[in-house]
N, C-alpha and C. Protein backbone atom coordinates (compact mmCIF):
# COMPACT_ATOMS: atom_id res chain seq x y z
N MET A 1 148.04 -92.15 158.88
CA MET A 1 148.43 -93.51 159.22
C MET A 1 149.35 -94.11 158.17
N LYS A 2 149.03 -93.92 156.89
CA LYS A 2 149.87 -94.48 155.83
C LYS A 2 151.27 -93.89 155.85
N LYS A 3 151.35 -92.55 156.08
CA LYS A 3 152.66 -91.90 156.11
C LYS A 3 153.48 -92.42 157.28
N LEU A 4 152.83 -92.56 158.43
CA LEU A 4 153.54 -93.07 159.61
C LEU A 4 154.00 -94.50 159.36
N PHE A 5 153.14 -95.31 158.75
CA PHE A 5 153.48 -96.70 158.48
C PHE A 5 154.68 -96.79 157.54
N THR A 6 154.70 -95.94 156.50
CA THR A 6 155.83 -95.93 155.58
C THR A 6 157.11 -95.54 156.29
N THR A 7 157.01 -94.55 157.18
CA THR A 7 158.20 -94.12 157.93
C THR A 7 158.70 -95.24 158.83
N LEU A 8 157.78 -95.94 159.49
CA LEU A 8 158.18 -97.06 160.33
C LEU A 8 158.95 -98.10 159.54
N LEU A 9 158.45 -98.44 158.38
CA LEU A 9 159.09 -99.46 157.58
C LEU A 9 160.42 -98.99 157.02
N LEU A 10 160.48 -97.71 156.71
CA LEU A 10 161.76 -97.16 156.27
C LEU A 10 162.81 -97.37 157.35
N MET A 11 162.44 -97.13 158.59
CA MET A 11 163.39 -97.27 159.68
C MET A 11 163.88 -98.71 159.82
N LEU A 12 163.04 -99.67 159.46
CA LEU A 12 163.47 -101.06 159.51
C LEU A 12 164.67 -101.28 158.61
N GLY A 13 164.69 -100.60 157.49
CA GLY A 13 165.78 -100.79 156.55
C GLY A 13 167.01 -99.98 156.86
N LEU A 14 166.84 -98.86 157.57
CA LEU A 14 168.00 -98.04 157.87
C LEU A 14 168.84 -98.68 158.97
N ALA A 15 168.25 -99.49 159.80
CA ALA A 15 169.02 -100.16 160.85
C ALA A 15 169.18 -101.61 160.47
N THR A 16 170.26 -101.95 159.77
CA THR A 16 170.44 -103.30 159.28
C THR A 16 171.82 -103.83 159.61
N PRO A 17 172.15 -103.94 160.89
CA PRO A 17 173.47 -104.36 161.27
C PRO A 17 173.70 -105.85 161.14
N ALA A 18 174.97 -106.24 161.04
CA ALA A 18 175.32 -107.65 161.05
C ALA A 18 175.10 -108.18 162.46
N MET A 19 174.73 -109.45 162.56
CA MET A 19 174.50 -110.04 163.85
C MET A 19 175.83 -110.40 164.48
N ALA A 20 176.10 -109.87 165.66
CA ALA A 20 177.31 -110.20 166.39
C ALA A 20 176.98 -110.20 167.86
N ALA A 21 177.12 -111.36 168.51
CA ALA A 21 176.65 -111.53 169.88
C ALA A 21 177.35 -110.58 170.84
N GLY A 22 178.58 -110.15 170.54
CA GLY A 22 179.32 -109.32 171.47
C GLY A 22 179.02 -107.84 171.33
N ASP A 23 178.32 -107.43 170.30
CA ASP A 23 178.04 -106.02 170.08
C ASP A 23 177.10 -105.49 171.16
N SER A 24 177.27 -104.23 171.50
CA SER A 24 176.28 -103.57 172.34
C SER A 24 175.09 -103.25 171.46
N PRO A 25 173.91 -102.98 172.07
CA PRO A 25 172.74 -102.64 171.24
C PRO A 25 172.97 -101.39 170.39
N VAL A 26 173.71 -100.41 170.93
CA VAL A 26 174.01 -99.22 170.14
C VAL A 26 174.90 -99.58 168.96
N ASP A 27 175.90 -100.43 169.20
CA ASP A 27 176.76 -100.87 168.10
C ASP A 27 175.95 -101.57 167.01
N VAL A 28 175.01 -102.40 167.46
CA VAL A 28 174.20 -103.15 166.51
C VAL A 28 173.44 -102.22 165.59
N ILE A 29 172.89 -101.14 166.13
CA ILE A 29 172.13 -100.21 165.32
C ILE A 29 173.05 -99.30 164.49
N SER A 30 174.13 -98.83 165.10
CA SER A 30 174.90 -97.76 164.46
C SER A 30 175.99 -98.24 163.51
N THR A 31 176.67 -99.35 163.82
CA THR A 31 177.89 -99.66 163.08
C THR A 31 177.64 -100.03 161.62
N THR A 32 176.49 -100.59 161.33
CA THR A 32 176.26 -101.00 159.94
C THR A 32 175.01 -100.41 159.32
N SER A 33 174.36 -99.46 160.01
CA SER A 33 173.18 -98.83 159.41
C SER A 33 173.53 -98.17 158.08
N GLN A 34 174.77 -97.72 157.98
CA GLN A 34 175.20 -97.07 156.74
C GLN A 34 175.24 -98.05 155.58
N ASN A 35 175.40 -99.33 155.89
CA ASN A 35 175.48 -100.33 154.81
C ASN A 35 174.21 -100.34 153.95
N ALA A 36 173.07 -100.24 154.60
CA ALA A 36 171.81 -100.24 153.85
C ALA A 36 171.72 -99.00 152.97
N LEU A 37 172.11 -97.86 153.52
CA LEU A 37 172.07 -96.63 152.73
C LEU A 37 173.03 -96.70 151.56
N ASP A 38 174.20 -97.28 151.78
CA ASP A 38 175.16 -97.43 150.68
C ASP A 38 174.59 -98.29 149.57
N LEU A 39 173.89 -99.36 149.95
CA LEU A 39 173.26 -100.21 148.94
C LEU A 39 172.17 -99.44 148.19
N LEU A 40 171.35 -98.70 148.93
CA LEU A 40 170.26 -97.96 148.30
C LEU A 40 170.78 -96.94 147.30
N LYS A 41 171.93 -96.35 147.57
CA LYS A 41 172.49 -95.35 146.68
C LYS A 41 172.95 -95.95 145.35
N LYS A 42 173.09 -97.26 145.31
CA LYS A 42 173.49 -97.92 144.06
C LYS A 42 172.30 -98.11 143.12
N GLU A 43 171.09 -97.90 143.67
CA GLU A 43 169.89 -98.08 142.85
C GLU A 43 169.83 -96.97 141.80
N ASN A 44 169.74 -97.38 140.53
CA ASN A 44 169.75 -96.41 139.44
C ASN A 44 168.53 -96.54 138.52
N GLY A 45 167.52 -97.27 138.99
CA GLY A 45 166.31 -97.45 138.18
C GLY A 45 166.35 -98.70 137.34
N LYS A 46 167.55 -99.24 137.12
CA LYS A 46 167.69 -100.45 136.32
C LYS A 46 167.93 -101.69 137.19
N ASN A 47 168.43 -101.47 138.38
CA ASN A 47 168.75 -102.59 139.26
C ASN A 47 167.96 -102.55 140.56
N THR A 48 166.75 -101.96 140.51
CA THR A 48 165.95 -101.78 141.71
C THR A 48 165.67 -103.10 142.41
N ALA A 49 165.24 -104.11 141.67
CA ALA A 49 164.91 -105.41 142.27
C ALA A 49 166.13 -106.02 142.96
N GLN A 50 167.28 -105.91 142.33
CA GLN A 50 168.50 -106.46 142.90
C GLN A 50 168.87 -105.76 144.21
N VAL A 51 168.77 -104.44 144.21
CA VAL A 51 169.10 -103.67 145.41
C VAL A 51 168.12 -104.00 146.53
N ARG A 52 166.84 -104.07 146.20
CA ARG A 52 165.85 -104.43 147.21
C ARG A 52 166.17 -105.78 147.85
N LYS A 53 166.52 -106.74 147.01
CA LYS A 53 166.81 -108.09 147.52
C LYS A 53 168.02 -108.05 148.44
N GLN A 54 169.05 -107.29 148.10
CA GLN A 54 170.24 -107.21 148.94
C GLN A 54 169.92 -106.60 150.30
N VAL A 55 169.12 -105.54 150.29
CA VAL A 55 168.78 -104.90 151.56
C VAL A 55 167.86 -105.79 152.39
N GLU A 56 166.91 -106.45 151.74
CA GLU A 56 166.03 -107.36 152.47
C GLU A 56 166.83 -108.48 153.13
N ASP A 57 167.84 -108.98 152.44
CA ASP A 57 168.67 -110.04 153.01
C ASP A 57 169.41 -109.57 154.26
N MET A 58 169.65 -108.26 154.36
CA MET A 58 170.27 -107.69 155.54
C MET A 58 169.24 -107.49 156.65
N VAL A 59 168.02 -107.11 156.28
CA VAL A 59 167.00 -106.73 157.25
C VAL A 59 166.44 -107.94 157.98
N VAL A 60 166.02 -108.95 157.24
CA VAL A 60 165.23 -110.03 157.81
C VAL A 60 165.91 -110.73 158.99
N PRO A 61 167.20 -111.09 158.91
CA PRO A 61 167.81 -111.79 160.05
C PRO A 61 167.90 -110.95 161.31
N LEU A 62 167.78 -109.64 161.19
CA LEU A 62 167.94 -108.77 162.34
C LEU A 62 166.72 -108.76 163.25
N PHE A 63 165.55 -109.09 162.73
CA PHE A 63 164.30 -108.96 163.46
C PHE A 63 163.78 -110.31 163.93
N ASP A 64 163.18 -110.31 165.10
CA ASP A 64 162.46 -111.48 165.60
C ASP A 64 161.00 -111.30 165.22
N PHE A 65 160.63 -111.78 164.05
CA PHE A 65 159.27 -111.57 163.56
C PHE A 65 158.25 -112.35 164.37
N THR A 66 158.65 -113.50 164.94
CA THR A 66 157.72 -114.26 165.75
C THR A 66 157.35 -113.48 167.01
N ARG A 67 158.34 -112.90 167.66
CA ARG A 67 158.07 -112.10 168.86
C ARG A 67 157.24 -110.86 168.49
N MET A 68 157.58 -110.22 167.38
CA MET A 68 156.83 -109.05 166.95
C MET A 68 155.36 -109.42 166.69
N THR A 69 155.15 -110.57 166.04
CA THR A 69 153.79 -110.99 165.74
C THR A 69 153.02 -111.30 167.01
N ALA A 70 153.68 -112.00 167.95
CA ALA A 70 153.02 -112.33 169.21
C ALA A 70 152.58 -111.07 169.95
N LEU A 71 153.43 -110.05 169.95
CA LEU A 71 153.08 -108.80 170.62
C LEU A 71 151.97 -108.07 169.86
N ALA A 72 152.01 -108.13 168.53
CA ALA A 72 150.99 -107.46 167.74
C ALA A 72 149.62 -108.13 167.87
N VAL A 73 149.62 -109.45 167.97
CA VAL A 73 148.36 -110.19 168.12
C VAL A 73 147.83 -110.07 169.54
N GLY A 74 148.74 -109.95 170.52
CA GLY A 74 148.32 -109.76 171.91
C GLY A 74 147.81 -111.03 172.55
N LYS A 75 146.79 -110.89 173.39
CA LYS A 75 146.29 -112.01 174.18
C LYS A 75 145.79 -113.16 173.31
N ASP A 76 145.38 -112.87 172.10
CA ASP A 76 144.86 -113.92 171.22
C ASP A 76 145.97 -114.84 170.71
N TRP A 77 147.22 -114.42 170.84
CA TRP A 77 148.34 -115.26 170.40
C TRP A 77 148.37 -116.57 171.18
N ARG A 78 148.13 -116.51 172.48
CA ARG A 78 148.19 -117.71 173.30
C ARG A 78 147.07 -118.69 172.97
N ALA A 79 145.97 -118.17 172.47
CA ALA A 79 144.84 -119.03 172.11
C ALA A 79 145.00 -119.66 170.73
N ALA A 80 145.93 -119.15 169.93
CA ALA A 80 146.15 -119.69 168.58
C ALA A 80 146.92 -121.00 168.66
N THR A 81 146.66 -121.89 167.73
CA THR A 81 147.40 -123.14 167.67
C THR A 81 148.81 -122.88 167.15
N PRO A 82 149.75 -123.81 167.37
CA PRO A 82 151.10 -123.63 166.81
C PRO A 82 151.09 -123.40 165.31
N ALA A 83 150.21 -124.10 164.60
CA ALA A 83 150.13 -123.92 163.14
C ALA A 83 149.65 -122.51 162.80
N GLN A 84 148.66 -122.02 163.54
CA GLN A 84 148.16 -120.67 163.31
C GLN A 84 149.25 -119.63 163.64
N GLN A 85 149.98 -119.85 164.72
CA GLN A 85 151.06 -118.93 165.08
C GLN A 85 152.12 -118.86 163.99
N THR A 86 152.46 -120.01 163.42
CA THR A 86 153.45 -120.04 162.34
C THR A 86 152.96 -119.26 161.14
N GLN A 87 151.69 -119.48 160.77
CA GLN A 87 151.13 -118.77 159.61
C GLN A 87 151.06 -117.27 159.86
N LEU A 88 150.67 -116.88 161.06
CA LEU A 88 150.59 -115.46 161.39
C LEU A 88 151.97 -114.80 161.27
N ALA A 89 152.99 -115.45 161.83
CA ALA A 89 154.34 -114.88 161.79
C ALA A 89 154.85 -114.78 160.36
N GLU A 90 154.60 -115.81 159.57
CA GLU A 90 155.06 -115.80 158.18
C GLU A 90 154.38 -114.70 157.39
N GLN A 91 153.07 -114.55 157.56
CA GLN A 91 152.33 -113.56 156.79
C GLN A 91 152.66 -112.14 157.25
N PHE A 92 152.87 -111.95 158.56
CA PHE A 92 153.22 -110.63 159.07
C PHE A 92 154.60 -110.22 158.56
N GLN A 93 155.53 -111.15 158.55
CA GLN A 93 156.86 -110.86 158.01
C GLN A 93 156.76 -110.48 156.54
N THR A 94 155.99 -111.23 155.78
CA THR A 94 155.83 -110.94 154.35
C THR A 94 155.25 -109.55 154.15
N LEU A 95 154.24 -109.19 154.96
CA LEU A 95 153.61 -107.88 154.84
C LEU A 95 154.60 -106.76 155.11
N LEU A 96 155.38 -106.88 156.19
CA LEU A 96 156.33 -105.83 156.54
C LEU A 96 157.40 -105.68 155.47
N VAL A 97 157.98 -106.81 155.06
CA VAL A 97 159.07 -106.74 154.08
C VAL A 97 158.56 -106.24 152.73
N ARG A 98 157.38 -106.68 152.33
CA ARG A 98 156.84 -106.26 151.03
C ARG A 98 156.53 -104.76 151.02
N THR A 99 155.93 -104.27 152.10
CA THR A 99 155.60 -102.85 152.15
C THR A 99 156.87 -102.01 152.19
N TYR A 100 157.84 -102.47 152.96
CA TYR A 100 159.13 -101.78 153.02
C TYR A 100 159.78 -101.73 151.65
N SER A 101 159.77 -102.87 150.94
CA SER A 101 160.45 -102.95 149.64
C SER A 101 159.85 -101.98 148.63
N SER A 102 158.56 -101.72 148.75
CA SER A 102 157.88 -100.87 147.77
C SER A 102 158.21 -99.39 147.97
N THR A 103 158.82 -99.05 149.12
CA THR A 103 159.04 -97.64 149.40
C THR A 103 160.50 -97.27 149.62
N MET A 104 161.37 -98.24 149.85
CA MET A 104 162.69 -97.92 150.40
C MET A 104 163.58 -97.12 149.46
N THR A 105 163.48 -97.33 148.14
CA THR A 105 164.42 -96.65 147.25
C THR A 105 164.19 -95.15 147.18
N ARG A 106 163.05 -94.67 147.67
CA ARG A 106 162.78 -93.23 147.67
C ARG A 106 163.54 -92.51 148.78
N PHE A 107 164.14 -93.26 149.70
CA PHE A 107 164.73 -92.64 150.88
C PHE A 107 166.22 -92.91 150.99
N LYS A 108 166.89 -93.04 149.84
CA LYS A 108 168.31 -93.39 149.89
C LYS A 108 169.18 -92.21 150.31
N SER A 109 168.63 -91.01 150.41
CA SER A 109 169.40 -89.86 150.87
C SER A 109 169.15 -89.55 152.35
N ALA A 110 168.45 -90.43 153.04
CA ALA A 110 168.18 -90.22 154.46
C ALA A 110 169.46 -90.31 155.27
N GLN A 111 169.45 -89.67 156.43
CA GLN A 111 170.58 -89.73 157.35
C GLN A 111 170.08 -90.17 158.72
N ILE A 112 170.87 -90.99 159.42
CA ILE A 112 170.46 -91.48 160.73
C ILE A 112 171.54 -91.18 161.75
N ASP A 113 171.11 -90.61 162.88
CA ASP A 113 172.01 -90.28 163.97
C ASP A 113 171.62 -91.12 165.18
N VAL A 114 172.40 -92.15 165.47
CA VAL A 114 172.10 -93.05 166.58
C VAL A 114 172.68 -92.47 167.87
N LYS A 115 171.85 -92.36 168.89
CA LYS A 115 172.29 -91.80 170.16
C LYS A 115 173.17 -92.81 170.91
N PRO A 116 174.20 -92.32 171.61
CA PRO A 116 175.22 -93.23 172.15
C PRO A 116 174.82 -94.02 173.39
N ASN A 117 173.81 -93.59 174.12
CA ASN A 117 173.46 -94.25 175.37
C ASN A 117 172.12 -94.96 175.27
N ALA A 118 172.15 -96.28 175.32
CA ALA A 118 170.92 -97.06 175.27
C ALA A 118 170.27 -97.11 176.65
N GLN A 119 168.96 -97.24 176.67
CA GLN A 119 168.23 -97.47 177.91
C GLN A 119 168.15 -98.97 178.13
N ILE A 120 168.81 -99.48 179.16
CA ILE A 120 168.89 -100.91 179.41
C ILE A 120 167.81 -101.32 180.40
N ASN A 121 167.07 -102.39 180.07
CA ASN A 121 165.97 -102.87 180.91
C ASN A 121 166.10 -104.38 181.13
N ASN A 122 165.23 -104.90 182.00
CA ASN A 122 165.09 -106.35 182.20
C ASN A 122 166.44 -107.01 182.48
N ASN A 123 167.17 -106.45 183.45
CA ASN A 123 168.46 -107.01 183.88
C ASN A 123 169.45 -107.16 182.73
N GLY A 124 169.44 -106.19 181.83
CA GLY A 124 170.40 -106.19 180.75
C GLY A 124 170.01 -106.99 179.53
N ARG A 125 168.82 -107.59 179.56
CA ARG A 125 168.40 -108.43 178.44
C ARG A 125 167.62 -107.66 177.37
N GLU A 126 167.16 -106.46 177.71
CA GLU A 126 166.45 -105.64 176.74
C GLU A 126 167.05 -104.24 176.71
N ALA A 127 166.92 -103.58 175.57
CA ALA A 127 167.47 -102.24 175.43
C ALA A 127 166.63 -101.43 174.46
N VAL A 128 166.59 -100.12 174.69
CA VAL A 128 165.96 -99.19 173.77
C VAL A 128 167.05 -98.26 173.25
N VAL A 129 167.24 -98.26 171.94
CA VAL A 129 168.23 -97.40 171.30
C VAL A 129 167.50 -96.29 170.57
N LYS A 130 167.84 -95.06 170.90
CA LYS A 130 167.16 -93.91 170.30
C LYS A 130 167.98 -93.38 169.13
N SER A 131 167.27 -92.87 168.14
CA SER A 131 167.95 -92.29 166.98
C SER A 131 167.13 -91.13 166.43
N GLU A 132 167.78 -90.35 165.60
CA GLU A 132 167.14 -89.21 164.95
C GLU A 132 167.39 -89.34 163.46
N VAL A 133 166.34 -89.31 162.68
CA VAL A 133 166.44 -89.54 161.24
C VAL A 133 166.04 -88.28 160.49
N THR A 134 166.88 -87.88 159.56
CA THR A 134 166.59 -86.76 158.66
C THR A 134 166.19 -87.33 157.31
N LEU A 135 164.96 -87.06 156.90
CA LEU A 135 164.46 -87.59 155.64
C LEU A 135 164.68 -86.58 154.52
N PRO A 136 164.93 -87.05 153.31
CA PRO A 136 165.12 -86.13 152.19
C PRO A 136 163.85 -85.34 151.93
N GLY A 137 164.05 -84.05 151.61
CA GLY A 137 162.90 -83.21 151.31
C GLY A 137 162.10 -82.83 152.52
N ASN A 138 162.71 -82.95 153.70
CA ASN A 138 161.97 -82.65 154.92
C ASN A 138 161.84 -81.15 155.17
N GLY A 139 162.58 -80.33 154.43
CA GLY A 139 162.47 -78.89 154.57
C GLY A 139 162.77 -78.42 155.97
N ASP A 140 161.91 -77.55 156.49
CA ASP A 140 162.12 -77.01 157.83
C ASP A 140 161.48 -77.86 158.92
N LYS A 141 160.90 -78.99 158.55
CA LYS A 141 160.25 -79.83 159.55
C LYS A 141 161.30 -80.47 160.46
N LYS A 142 160.88 -80.76 161.67
CA LYS A 142 161.81 -81.37 162.61
C LYS A 142 162.17 -82.78 162.16
N ASN A 143 163.31 -83.24 162.61
CA ASN A 143 163.73 -84.59 162.30
C ASN A 143 162.82 -85.60 163.00
N VAL A 144 162.85 -86.82 162.53
CA VAL A 144 161.98 -87.87 163.05
C VAL A 144 162.73 -88.66 164.11
N MET A 145 162.14 -88.80 165.29
CA MET A 145 162.73 -89.57 166.37
C MET A 145 162.28 -91.02 166.27
N VAL A 146 163.24 -91.92 166.25
CA VAL A 146 162.94 -93.34 166.08
C VAL A 146 163.61 -94.13 167.20
N ASP A 147 162.82 -94.97 167.89
CA ASP A 147 163.34 -95.82 168.96
C ASP A 147 163.27 -97.28 168.52
N TYR A 148 164.36 -98.01 168.75
CA TYR A 148 164.41 -99.44 168.48
C TYR A 148 164.43 -100.20 169.80
N THR A 149 163.56 -101.17 169.95
CA THR A 149 163.55 -102.01 171.15
C THR A 149 164.13 -103.37 170.79
N LEU A 150 165.17 -103.77 171.51
CA LEU A 150 165.89 -105.01 171.21
C LEU A 150 165.95 -105.89 172.44
N TYR A 151 166.15 -107.19 172.23
CA TYR A 151 166.45 -108.11 173.32
C TYR A 151 167.66 -108.94 172.91
N LYS A 152 168.38 -109.43 173.92
CA LYS A 152 169.59 -110.20 173.66
C LYS A 152 169.33 -111.68 173.89
N GLY A 153 169.54 -112.47 172.84
CA GLY A 153 169.39 -113.92 172.93
C GLY A 153 170.67 -114.60 172.52
N ALA A 154 170.56 -115.87 172.18
CA ALA A 154 171.73 -116.65 171.83
C ALA A 154 172.43 -116.13 170.58
N GLN A 155 171.68 -115.48 169.70
CA GLN A 155 172.24 -114.96 168.45
C GLN A 155 172.57 -113.47 168.52
N GLY A 156 172.61 -112.94 169.74
CA GLY A 156 172.91 -111.52 169.89
C GLY A 156 171.64 -110.69 170.00
N TRP A 157 171.77 -109.40 169.73
CA TRP A 157 170.66 -108.48 169.86
C TRP A 157 169.76 -108.54 168.62
N LYS A 158 168.45 -108.63 168.88
CA LYS A 158 167.47 -108.58 167.79
C LYS A 158 166.39 -107.57 168.12
N ILE A 159 165.88 -106.92 167.06
CA ILE A 159 164.82 -105.92 167.21
C ILE A 159 163.46 -106.61 167.22
N PHE A 160 162.60 -106.17 168.16
CA PHE A 160 161.23 -106.70 168.14
C PHE A 160 160.17 -105.59 168.19
N ASN A 161 160.60 -104.34 168.15
CA ASN A 161 159.64 -103.25 168.02
C ASN A 161 160.37 -102.00 167.56
N VAL A 162 159.65 -101.15 166.84
CA VAL A 162 160.17 -99.86 166.39
C VAL A 162 159.09 -98.82 166.65
N SER A 163 159.50 -97.68 167.18
CA SER A 163 158.55 -96.59 167.43
C SER A 163 159.03 -95.33 166.72
N VAL A 164 158.11 -94.64 166.08
CA VAL A 164 158.40 -93.38 165.41
C VAL A 164 157.59 -92.29 166.08
N GLU A 165 158.30 -91.30 166.64
CA GLU A 165 157.63 -90.20 167.35
C GLU A 165 156.65 -90.75 168.38
N GLY A 166 157.04 -91.83 169.05
CA GLY A 166 156.21 -92.42 170.10
C GLY A 166 155.15 -93.38 169.62
N ALA A 167 154.99 -93.52 168.31
CA ALA A 167 153.98 -94.44 167.77
C ALA A 167 154.63 -95.79 167.51
N SER A 168 154.17 -96.81 168.21
CA SER A 168 154.76 -98.14 168.16
C SER A 168 154.19 -98.95 167.01
N LEU A 169 155.08 -99.57 166.24
CA LEU A 169 154.65 -100.45 165.15
C LEU A 169 153.77 -101.57 165.68
N VAL A 170 154.18 -102.19 166.79
CA VAL A 170 153.43 -103.30 167.37
C VAL A 170 152.05 -102.84 167.81
N THR A 171 151.97 -101.68 168.44
CA THR A 171 150.68 -101.20 168.93
C THR A 171 149.73 -100.86 167.78
N ILE A 172 150.25 -100.26 166.72
CA ILE A 172 149.43 -99.94 165.56
C ILE A 172 148.77 -101.21 165.01
N TYR A 173 149.56 -102.25 164.87
CA TYR A 173 149.01 -103.49 164.34
C TYR A 173 148.14 -104.22 165.34
N ARG A 174 148.45 -104.08 166.64
CA ARG A 174 147.63 -104.76 167.65
C ARG A 174 146.18 -104.29 167.56
N ASN A 175 145.99 -103.00 167.36
CA ASN A 175 144.63 -102.47 167.24
C ASN A 175 143.93 -103.04 166.01
N GLN A 176 144.63 -103.11 164.88
CA GLN A 176 144.04 -103.64 163.65
C GLN A 176 143.77 -105.13 163.77
N PHE A 177 144.76 -105.87 164.29
CA PHE A 177 144.62 -107.31 164.40
C PHE A 177 143.52 -107.70 165.37
N GLY A 178 143.44 -106.98 166.50
CA GLY A 178 142.42 -107.29 167.50
C GLY A 178 141.02 -107.14 166.95
N GLU A 179 140.82 -106.09 166.16
CA GLU A 179 139.50 -105.87 165.57
C GLU A 179 139.13 -106.99 164.61
N GLU A 180 140.09 -107.43 163.79
CA GLU A 180 139.83 -108.50 162.84
C GLU A 180 139.55 -109.82 163.55
N ILE A 181 140.30 -110.11 164.62
CA ILE A 181 140.09 -111.35 165.36
C ILE A 181 138.72 -111.35 166.02
N ARG A 182 138.30 -110.22 166.55
CA ARG A 182 136.96 -110.15 167.16
C ARG A 182 135.87 -110.43 166.14
N LYS A 183 136.08 -110.02 164.91
CA LYS A 183 135.07 -110.22 163.86
C LYS A 183 135.11 -111.63 163.29
N ASN A 184 136.33 -112.11 162.98
CA ASN A 184 136.44 -113.34 162.19
C ASN A 184 137.40 -114.39 162.75
N GLY A 185 137.88 -114.16 163.98
CA GLY A 185 138.75 -115.15 164.60
C GLY A 185 140.17 -115.10 164.05
N VAL A 186 141.04 -115.98 164.59
CA VAL A 186 142.44 -116.01 164.18
C VAL A 186 142.55 -116.40 162.70
N ASP A 187 141.74 -117.35 162.27
CA ASP A 187 141.79 -117.74 160.85
C ASP A 187 141.40 -116.59 159.94
N GLY A 188 140.50 -115.73 160.42
CA GLY A 188 140.12 -114.56 159.64
C GLY A 188 141.28 -113.60 159.49
N LEU A 189 142.08 -113.45 160.54
CA LEU A 189 143.26 -112.58 160.45
C LEU A 189 144.29 -113.16 159.50
N ILE A 190 144.49 -114.46 159.57
CA ILE A 190 145.43 -115.11 158.64
C ILE A 190 144.99 -114.88 157.20
N LYS A 191 143.69 -115.04 156.94
CA LYS A 191 143.17 -114.83 155.59
C LYS A 191 143.36 -113.38 155.16
N LEU A 192 143.10 -112.43 156.07
CA LEU A 192 143.27 -111.02 155.74
C LEU A 192 144.72 -110.73 155.34
N LEU A 193 145.67 -111.26 156.10
CA LEU A 193 147.08 -111.03 155.80
C LEU A 193 147.46 -111.69 154.47
N LYS A 194 146.98 -112.89 154.25
CA LYS A 194 147.27 -113.57 152.98
C LYS A 194 146.72 -112.78 151.80
N ASP A 195 145.52 -112.23 151.96
CA ASP A 195 144.92 -111.43 150.88
C ASP A 195 145.77 -110.18 150.61
N LYS A 196 146.25 -109.52 151.67
CA LYS A 196 147.08 -108.35 151.49
C LYS A 196 148.40 -108.67 150.81
N ASN A 197 148.88 -109.90 151.01
CA ASN A 197 150.18 -110.29 150.47
C ASN A 197 150.10 -110.90 149.07
N GLN A 198 148.90 -110.95 148.51
CA GLN A 198 148.77 -111.49 147.16
C GLN A 198 149.48 -110.61 146.14
N PRO A 199 150.16 -111.24 145.18
CA PRO A 199 150.80 -110.44 144.11
C PRO A 199 149.77 -109.54 143.43
N GLY A 200 150.16 -108.32 143.19
CA GLY A 200 149.29 -107.36 142.52
C GLY A 200 148.51 -106.49 143.47
N LYS A 201 148.45 -106.89 144.75
CA LYS A 201 147.77 -106.06 145.74
C LYS A 201 148.71 -104.93 146.15
N ALA A 202 148.14 -103.76 146.40
CA ALA A 202 148.94 -102.62 146.83
C ALA A 202 149.54 -102.89 148.19
N ALA A 203 150.84 -102.58 148.34
CA ALA A 203 151.49 -102.83 149.63
C ALA A 203 151.12 -101.76 150.63
C-alpha cells in the first residue's frame, strides 16, 4: 500500500501542465509534464526545499482538491456541513502535497509517455488520459500504467482522480475515510487528517 501510494503521488507531480482552457486533455497532461522533471533535475541536495516549492506551485492549481475530497469521502460528504467540507478539503490537499513533497526528488529520472488518444466521457466534459511511466531503477519490471481523470470547467481541464495499474487514489482513500467516519464521525476524520499533517509526523 505504501509503495502504491508513493507512486500515485509521484504521478501527481509528473503531470503538471499550465492551465489553458483551449488545450485538449492530452495536451494538458503531455505538453508541460516535462517542466516538473526539468525542475526536479535541478535539485542538488542544497536547494531541495526551493525545488519542492516550485513544483508544488505547478501541481496545486491543476487539481480540483474539493472534488477529489468529495469523491474520497463518498456519501458522507453530503451530510457534512460546509465548514466541515472546507476543513476536509484543506486537510486532504495538505496530506497529498506533503506526502508528495517528501518523495518527489527521488524520481527525477523518471520518464512519462502520454498516450495520444483520450477516452472522452460525459458529453465531452470528462476525459481519461492514459500514460506509461518508467521509474528509475525499475530493472526488468514492466512500466507503470497511470490514468488521469479530468473534467473541463471554466478554468479548463482539471484532474480529480489518478489511477496506477487500476488502483484509484480516490478509492483507496474512500475505504480509509469511510472506516474512520463510521468510528468517529466527520469530525473524527478531520482530526485524523490534522494529526497526520502535524509538523514532525511522517508523511
